[in-house]
Amino acid sequence: MYAYIKGKLEQKANSYVVIENGGIGYKIYMPITSIEKLGAIGIEVKVFTHYHVREDAINLYGFLSDEELKMFELLLSVSGIGARSAMGILAEISPSNFTLAIITNDVSKLVKIPGIGAKTAQRMILELKDKLKTLQAVNKQEQVKVAIIEEETFSESLAALQMLGYNRKEIEKVFEKIDIKGLKVEDIIKKSLIILGK
């Protein structure tokens, strides 16, 4: 329902924060480690959120990154792990270390997390290993697609500028000064011409 909430940090407590957006104060439960990293009261913050509905409660859970949010949602899919347990796990281990522990069957790393015994660690590995491998495969495919698009954009921009009489070396020097990620060919050419014309 809410992908993220961006607004003024109004309150910090041990287990939640209050963020004001559009005159509404959102109470968002977060891992204590994330609350500590949020910054001072009064600044603008952006928190990725999970809208959690149960029979007896409706809560918002917040995270500093999309990776933390995905890990939280994966943990909720494990039988026997609820929102509070998932938040506790997130406060103790980073998403990358957690993923590594699951994929490498590292029970010893998981049982170091308070409240996680050997049986729960084994259940997490059993239920999450295939999901994490699928997620990694999807991420790699996306990275490859982005790399191909960027390479094509680079080549087209280079060719167009060479046709305008500039040599490859000076064009590449200009490209180093421009962040071409996400830019269209015409935008790269316009920015390059401004620098080349100086």
C-alpha atoms as a PDB file:
ATOM      1  CA  MET A   1       0.000   0.000   0.000  1.00  0.00           C
ATOM      2  CA  TYR A   2       2.807   2.434   0.929  1.00  0.00           C
ATOM      3  CA  ALA A   3       6.144   1.946  -0.873  1.00  0.00           C
ATOM      4  CA  TYR A   4       7.839   4.569   1.292  1.00  0.00           C
ATOM      5  CA  ILE A   5       7.065   7.611   3.416  1.00  0.00           C
ATOM      6  CA  LYS A   6       9.087  10.800   3.112  1.00  0.00           C
ATOM      7  CA  GLY A   7       8.635  13.582   5.630  1.00  0.00           C
ATOM      8  CA  LYS A   8       9.777  15.344   8.779  1.00  0.00           C
ATOM      9  CA  LEU A   9      11.092  13.173  11.612  1.00  0.00           C
ATOM     10  CA  GLU A  10       8.953  14.214  14.591  1.00  0.00           C
ATOM     11  CA  GLN A  11       9.689  11.563  17.205  1.00  0.00           C
ATOM     12  CA  LYS A  12      12.115   8.733  17.955  1.00  0.00           C
ATOM     13  CA  ALA A  13      11.447   5.959  20.479  1.00  0.00           C
ATOM     14  CA  ASN A  14      13.027   2.554  21.194  1.00  0.00           C
ATOM     15  CA  SER A  15      10.903   0.648  18.702  1.00  0.00           C
ATOM     16  CA  TYR A  16       9.269   3.252  16.458  1.00  0.00           C
ATOM     17  CA  VAL A  17       9.477   6.711  14.896  1.00  0.00           C
ATOM     18  CA  VAL A  18       6.837   9.262  13.947  1.00  0.00           C
ATOM     19  CA  ILE A  19       7.184  10.888  10.521  1.00  0.00           C
ATOM     20  CA  GLU A  20       4.934  13.790   9.553  1.00  0.00           C
ATOM     21  CA  ASN A  21       3.785  14.048   5.957  1.00  0.00           C
ATOM     22  CA  GLY A  22       0.933  16.282   4.791  1.00  0.00           C
ATOM     23  CA  GLY A  23      -0.189  17.045   8.334  1.00  0.00           C
ATOM     24  CA  ILE A  24      -0.407  13.330   9.265  1.00  0.00           C
ATOM     25  CA  GLY A  25       1.973  11.695  11.747  1.00  0.00           C
ATOM     26  CA  TYR A  26       2.813   8.132  10.719  1.00  0.00           C
ATOM     27  CA  LYS A  27       3.888   5.804  13.530  1.00  0.00           C
ATOM     28  CA  ILE A  28       6.398   3.442  11.949  1.00  0.00           C
ATOM     29  CA  TYR A  29       8.014   0.514  13.780  1.00  0.00           C
ATOM     30  CA  MET A  30      11.706   0.098  12.926  1.00  0.00           C
ATOM     31  CA  PRO A  31      14.740  -1.930  14.058  1.00  0.00           C
ATOM     32  CA  ILE A  32      16.594  -0.013  16.785  1.00  0.00           C
ATOM     33  CA  THR A  33      19.770   0.035  14.652  1.00  0.00           C
ATOM     34  CA  SER A  34      17.860   1.795  11.851  1.00  0.00           C
ATOM     35  CA  ILE A  35      16.298   4.306  14.258  1.00  0.00           C
ATOM     36  CA  GLU A  36      19.778   5.245  15.481  1.00  0.00           C
ATOM     37  CA  LYS A  37      20.936   5.888  11.900  1.00  0.00           C
ATOM     38  CA  LEU A  38      17.962   8.067  10.932  1.00  0.00           C
ATOM     39  CA  GLY A  39      19.408  11.330  12.203  1.00  0.00           C
ATOM     40  CA  ALA A  40      18.125  14.200  14.315  1.00  0.00           C
ATOM     41  CA  ILE A  41      14.536  15.193  15.068  1.00  0.00           C
ATOM     42  CA  GLY A  42      13.249  17.787  12.594  1.00  0.00           C
ATOM     43  CA  ILE A  43      15.135  16.631   9.495  1.00  0.00           C
ATOM     44  CA  GLU A  44      13.465  15.201   6.386  1.00  0.00           C
ATOM     45  CA  VAL A  45      13.786  11.430   6.111  1.00  0.00           C
ATOM     46  CA  LYS A  46      12.713   8.701   3.703  1.00  0.00           C
ATOM     47  CA  VAL A  47      11.659   5.329   5.080  1.00  0.00           C
ATOM     48  CA  PHE A  48      10.709   2.256   3.014  1.00  0.00           C
ATOM     49  CA  THR A  49       7.553   0.728   4.490  1.00  0.00           C
ATOM     50  CA  HIS A  50       5.641  -2.504   4.864  1.00  0.00           C
ATOM     51  CA  TYR A  51       1.900  -2.248   5.624  1.00  0.00           C
ATOM     52  CA  HIS A  52       1.194  -5.192   7.934  1.00  0.00           C
ATOM     53  CA  VAL A  53      -2.387  -6.309   8.597  1.00  0.00           C
ATOM     54  CA  ARG A  54      -3.386  -8.846  11.246  1.00  0.00           C
ATOM     55  CA  GLU A  55      -6.726  -9.633  12.875  1.00  0.00           C
ATOM     56  CA  ASP A  56      -5.791  -7.696  16.004  1.00  0.00           C
ATOM     57  CA  ALA A  57      -3.537  -4.951  14.581  1.00  0.00           C
ATOM     58  CA  ILE A  58      -2.600  -2.843  11.559  1.00  0.00           C
ATOM     59  CA  ASN A  59       0.978  -1.539  11.678  1.00  0.00           C
ATOM     60  CA  LEU A  60       3.559   0.161   9.494  1.00  0.00           C
ATOM     61  CA  TYR A  61       7.110  -1.206   9.578  1.00  0.00           C
ATOM     62  CA  GLY A  62       9.951   0.924   8.267  1.00  0.00           C
ATOM     63  CA  PHE A  63      13.426   0.364   6.820  1.00  0.00           C
ATOM     64  CA  LEU A  64      16.340   2.484   5.629  1.00  0.00           C
ATOM     65  CA  SER A  65      16.769   0.560   2.367  1.00  0.00           C
ATOM     66  CA  ASP A  66      14.807  -1.521  -0.098  1.00  0.00           C
ATOM     67  CA  GLU A  67      17.150  -4.458   0.715  1.00  0.00           C
ATOM     68  CA  GLU A  68      16.085  -4.363   4.392  1.00  0.00           C
ATOM     69  CA  LEU A  69      12.418  -4.242   3.364  1.00  0.00           C
ATOM     70  CA  LYS A  70      12.831  -7.275   1.080  1.00  0.00           C
ATOM     71  CA  MET A  71      14.612  -9.202   3.847  1.00  0.00           C
ATOM     72  CA  PHE A  72      11.789  -8.372   6.287  1.00  0.00           C
ATOM     73  CA  GLU A  73       9.157  -9.600   3.813  1.00  0.00           C
ATOM     74  CA  LEU A  74      11.153 -12.791   3.195  1.00  0.00           C
ATOM     75  CA  LEU A  75      11.383 -13.417   6.939  1.00  0.00           C
ATOM     76  CA  LEU A  76       7.608 -13.007   7.304  1.00  0.00           C
ATOM     77  CA  SER A  77       7.162 -15.826   4.793  1.00  0.00           C
ATOM     78  CA  VAL A  78       8.964 -18.253   7.136  1.00  0.00           C
ATOM     79  CA  SER A  79       6.563 -20.262   9.298  1.00  0.00           C
ATOM     80  CA  GLY A  80       6.805 -19.259  12.950  1.00  0.00           C
ATOM     81  CA  ILE A  81       8.434 -15.863  12.324  1.00  0.00           C
ATOM     82  CA  GLY A  82       6.273 -12.821  12.947  1.00  0.00           C
ATOM     83  CA  ALA A  83       6.878  -9.118  12.449  1.00  0.00           C
ATOM     84  CA  ARG A  84       8.550  -8.593  15.859  1.00  0.00           C
ATOM     85  CA  SER A  85      10.935 -11.521  15.361  1.00  0.00           C
ATOM     86  CA  ALA A  86      11.770 -10.299  11.853  1.00  0.00           C
ATOM     87  CA  MET A  87      12.537  -6.811  13.204  1.00  0.00           C
ATOM     88  CA  GLY A  88      14.787  -8.341  15.869  1.00  0.00           C
ATOM     89  CA  ILE A  89      16.704 -10.317  13.232  1.00  0.00           C
ATOM     90  CA  LEU A  90      17.135  -7.198  11.073  1.00  0.00           C
ATOM     91  CA  ALA A  91      18.604  -5.337  14.040  1.00  0.00           C
ATOM     92  CA  GLU A  92      21.314  -8.016  14.368  1.00  0.00           C
ATOM     93  CA  ILE A  93      22.385  -8.900  10.802  1.00  0.00           C
ATOM     94  CA  SER A  94      22.667  -7.047   7.492  1.00  0.00           C
ATOM     95  CA  PRO A  95      20.675  -8.247   4.436  1.00  0.00           C
ATOM     96  CA  SER A  96      23.894  -9.244   2.605  1.00  0.00           C
ATOM     97  CA  ASN A  97      25.242 -11.299   5.552  1.00  0.00           C
ATOM     98  CA  PHE A  98      21.831 -12.887   6.069  1.00  0.00           C
ATOM     99  CA  THR A  99      21.587 -13.857   2.388  1.00  0.00           C
ATOM    100  CA  LEU A 100      25.100 -15.326   2.500  1.00  0.00           C
ATOM    101  CA  ALA A 101      24.265 -17.355   5.630  1.00  0.00           C
ATOM    102  CA  ILE A 102      21.111 -18.782   4.021  1.00  0.00           C
ATOM    103  CA  ILE A 103      22.726 -19.674   0.682  1.00  0.00           C
ATOM    104  CA  THR A 104      25.798 -21.262   2.319  1.00  0.00           C
ATOM    105  CA  ASN A 105      23.741 -23.166   4.964  1.00  0.00           C
ATOM    106  CA  ASP A 106      25.614 -21.306   7.725  1.00  0.00           C
ATOM    107  CA  VAL A 107      23.535 -22.303  10.767  1.00  0.00           C
ATOM    108  CA  SER A 108      26.313 -21.162  13.152  1.00  0.00           C
ATOM    109  CA  LYS A 109      25.989 -17.549  11.930  1.00  0.00           C
ATOM    110  CA  LEU A 110      22.194 -17.568  12.249  1.00  0.00           C
ATOM    111  CA  VAL A 111      22.107 -19.008  15.792  1.00  0.00           C
ATOM    112  CA  LYS A 112      24.223 -16.051  16.966  1.00  0.00           C
ATOM    113  CA  ILE A 113      21.122 -13.888  16.466  1.00  0.00           C
ATOM    114  CA  PRO A 114      19.257 -13.575  19.808  1.00  0.00           C
ATOM    115  CA  GLY A 115      16.089 -15.686  19.832  1.00  0.00           C
ATOM    116  CA  ILE A 116      17.154 -17.896  16.910  1.00  0.00           C
ATOM    117  CA  GLY A 117      17.827 -21.517  17.803  1.00  0.00           C
ATOM    118  CA  ALA A 118      19.189 -24.285  15.599  1.00  0.00           C
ATOM    119  CA  LYS A 119      15.709 -25.495  14.538  1.00  0.00           C
ATOM    120  CA  THR A 120      14.563 -22.011  13.517  1.00  0.00           C
ATOM    121  CA  ALA A 121      17.840 -21.402  11.653  1.00  0.00           C
ATOM    122  CA  GLN A 122      17.438 -24.677   9.738  1.00  0.00           C
ATOM    123  CA  ARG A 123      13.795 -23.834   8.946  1.00  0.00           C
ATOM    124  CA  MET A 124      14.829 -20.397   7.604  1.00  0.00           C
ATOM    125  CA  ILE A 125      17.476 -22.006   5.359  1.00  0.00           C
ATOM    126  CA  LEU A 126      15.020 -24.632   4.126  1.00  0.00           C
ATOM    127  CA  GLU A 127      12.237 -22.136   3.364  1.00  0.00           C
ATOM    128  CA  LEU A 128      14.307 -19.225   2.015  1.00  0.00           C
ATOM    129  CA  LYS A 129      17.210 -20.761   0.071  1.00  0.00           C
ATOM    130  CA  ASP A 130      15.318 -21.272  -3.209  1.00  0.00           C
ATOM    131  CA  LYS A 131      13.564 -17.880  -2.914  1.00  0.00           C
ATOM    132  CA  LEU A 132      16.886 -16.078  -2.441  1.00  0.00           C
ATOM    133  CA  LYS A 133      18.496 -17.903  -5.370  1.00  0.00           C
ATOM    134  CA  THR A 134      15.550 -16.884  -7.578  1.00  0.00           C
ATOM    135  CA  LEU A 135      15.848 -13.255  -6.396  1.00  0.00           C
ATOM    136  CA  GLN A 136      19.589 -13.239  -7.115  1.00  0.00           C
ATOM    137  CA  ALA A 137      19.001 -14.623 -10.607  1.00  0.00           C
ATOM    138  CA  VAL A 138      16.409 -11.906 -11.327  1.00  0.00           C
ATOM    139  CA  ASN A 139      18.781  -9.205 -10.004  1.00  0.00           C
ATOM    140  CA  LYS A 140      21.611 -10.487 -12.211  1.00  0.00           C
ATOM    141  CA  GLN A 141      19.328 -10.436 -15.269  1.00  0.00           C
ATOM    142  CA  GLU A 142      18.375  -6.824 -14.483  1.00  0.00           C
ATOM    143  CA  GLN A 143      22.045  -5.852 -14.044  1.00  0.00           C
ATOM    144  CA  VAL A 144      22.897  -7.432 -17.418  1.00  0.00           C
ATOM    145  CA  LYS A 145      20.015  -5.569 -19.119  1.00  0.00           C
ATOM    146  CA  VAL A 146      21.163  -2.240 -17.638  1.00  0.00           C
ATOM    147  CA  ALA A 147      24.781  -2.901 -18.711  1.00  0.00           C
ATOM    148  CA  ILE A 148      23.671  -3.675 -22.299  1.00  0.00           C
ATOM    149  CA  ILE A 149      21.540  -0.506 -22.476  1.00  0.00           C
ATOM    150  CA  GLU A 150      24.392   1.615 -21.085  1.00  0.00           C
ATOM    151  CA  GLU A 151      26.883   0.096 -23.564  1.00  0.00           C
ATOM    152  CA  GLU A 152      24.533   0.818 -26.511  1.00  0.00           C
ATOM    153  CA  THR A 153      23.945   4.385 -25.269  1.00  0.00           C
ATOM    154  CA  PHE A 154      27.711   4.925 -24.913  1.00  0.00           C
ATOM    155  CA  SER A 155      28.406   3.592 -28.435  1.00  0.00           C
ATOM    156  CA  GLU A 156      25.665   5.663 -30.084  1.00  0.00           C
ATOM    157  CA  SER A 157      26.761   8.849 -28.293  1.00  0.00           C
ATOM    158  CA  LEU A 158      30.408   8.234 -29.200  1.00  0.00           C
ATOM    159  CA  ALA A 159      29.560   7.642 -32.874  1.00  0.00           C
ATOM    160  CA  ALA A 160      27.411  10.791 -33.060  1.00  0.00           C
ATOM    161  CA  LEU A 161      30.135  12.980 -31.537  1.00  0.00           C
ATOM    162  CA  GLN A 162      32.778  11.476 -33.847  1.00  0.00           C
ATOM    163  CA  MET A 163      30.573  12.394 -36.813  1.00  0.00           C
ATOM    164  CA  LEU A 164      30.634  15.966 -35.507  1.00  0.00           C
ATOM    165  CA  GLY A 165      34.435  15.941 -35.821  1.00  0.00           C
ATOM    166  CA  TYR A 166      35.635  15.078 -32.315  1.00  0.00           C
ATOM    167  CA  ASN A 167      38.154  12.266 -31.767  1.00  0.00           C
ATOM    168  CA  ARG A 168      37.557   9.263 -29.486  1.00  0.00           C
ATOM    169  CA  LYS A 169      40.111  10.279 -26.829  1.00  0.00           C
ATOM    170  CA  GLU A 170      38.629  13.729 -26.193  1.00  0.00           C
ATOM    171  CA  ILE A 171      35.088  12.286 -26.207  1.00  0.00           C
ATOM    172  CA  GLU A 172      36.031   9.623 -23.627  1.00  0.00           C
ATOM    173  CA  LYS A 173      37.583  12.321 -21.408  1.00  0.00           C
ATOM    174  CA  VAL A 174      34.272  14.225 -21.547  1.00  0.00           C
ATOM    175  CA  PHE A 175      32.285  11.064 -20.755  1.00  0.00           C
ATOM    176  CA  GLU A 176      34.376  10.659 -17.596  1.00  0.00           C
ATOM    177  CA  LYS A 177      33.025  14.033 -16.418  1.00  0.00           C
ATOM    178  CA  ILE A 178      29.388  13.110 -17.154  1.00  0.00           C
ATOM    179  CA  ASP A 179      27.351  10.523 -15.255  1.00  0.00           C
ATOM    180  CA  ILE A 180      25.778   8.860 -18.295  1.00  0.00           C
ATOM    181  CA  LYS A 181      23.755   6.317 -16.288  1.00  0.00           C
ATOM    182  CA  GLY A 182      20.072   6.656 -17.162  1.00  0.00           C
ATOM    183  CA  LEU A 183      20.675   9.455 -19.711  1.00  0.00           C
ATOM    184  CA  LYS A 184      19.321   9.330 -23.264  1.00  0.00           C
ATOM    185  CA  VAL A 185      21.714   9.604 -26.215  1.00  0.00           C
ATOM    186  CA  GLU A 186      20.562  13.149 -27.057  1.00  0.00           C
ATOM    187  CA  ASP A 187      21.094  14.278 -23.443  1.00  0.00           C
ATOM    188  CA  ILE A 188      24.637  12.865 -23.402  1.00  0.00           C
ATOM    189  CA  ILE A 189      25.424  14.609 -26.708  1.00  0.00           C
ATOM    190  CA  LYS A 190      24.068  17.963 -25.437  1.00  0.00           C
ATOM    191  CA  LYS A 191      26.069  17.754 -22.182  1.00  0.00           C
ATOM    192  CA  SER A 192      29.196  16.638 -24.050  1.00  0.00           C
ATOM    193  CA  LEU A 193      28.952  19.508 -26.552  1.00  0.00           C
ATOM    194  CA  ILE A 194      28.746  22.035 -23.710  1.00  0.00           C
ATOM    195  CA  ILE A 195      32.027  20.702 -22.248  1.00  0.00           C
ATOM    196  CA  LEU A 196      33.701  20.275 -25.651  1.00  0.00           C
ATOM    197  CA  GLY A 197      32.734  23.831 -26.614  1.00  0.00           C
ATOM    198  CA  LYS A 198      34.504  25.347 -23.571  1.00  0.00           C
END
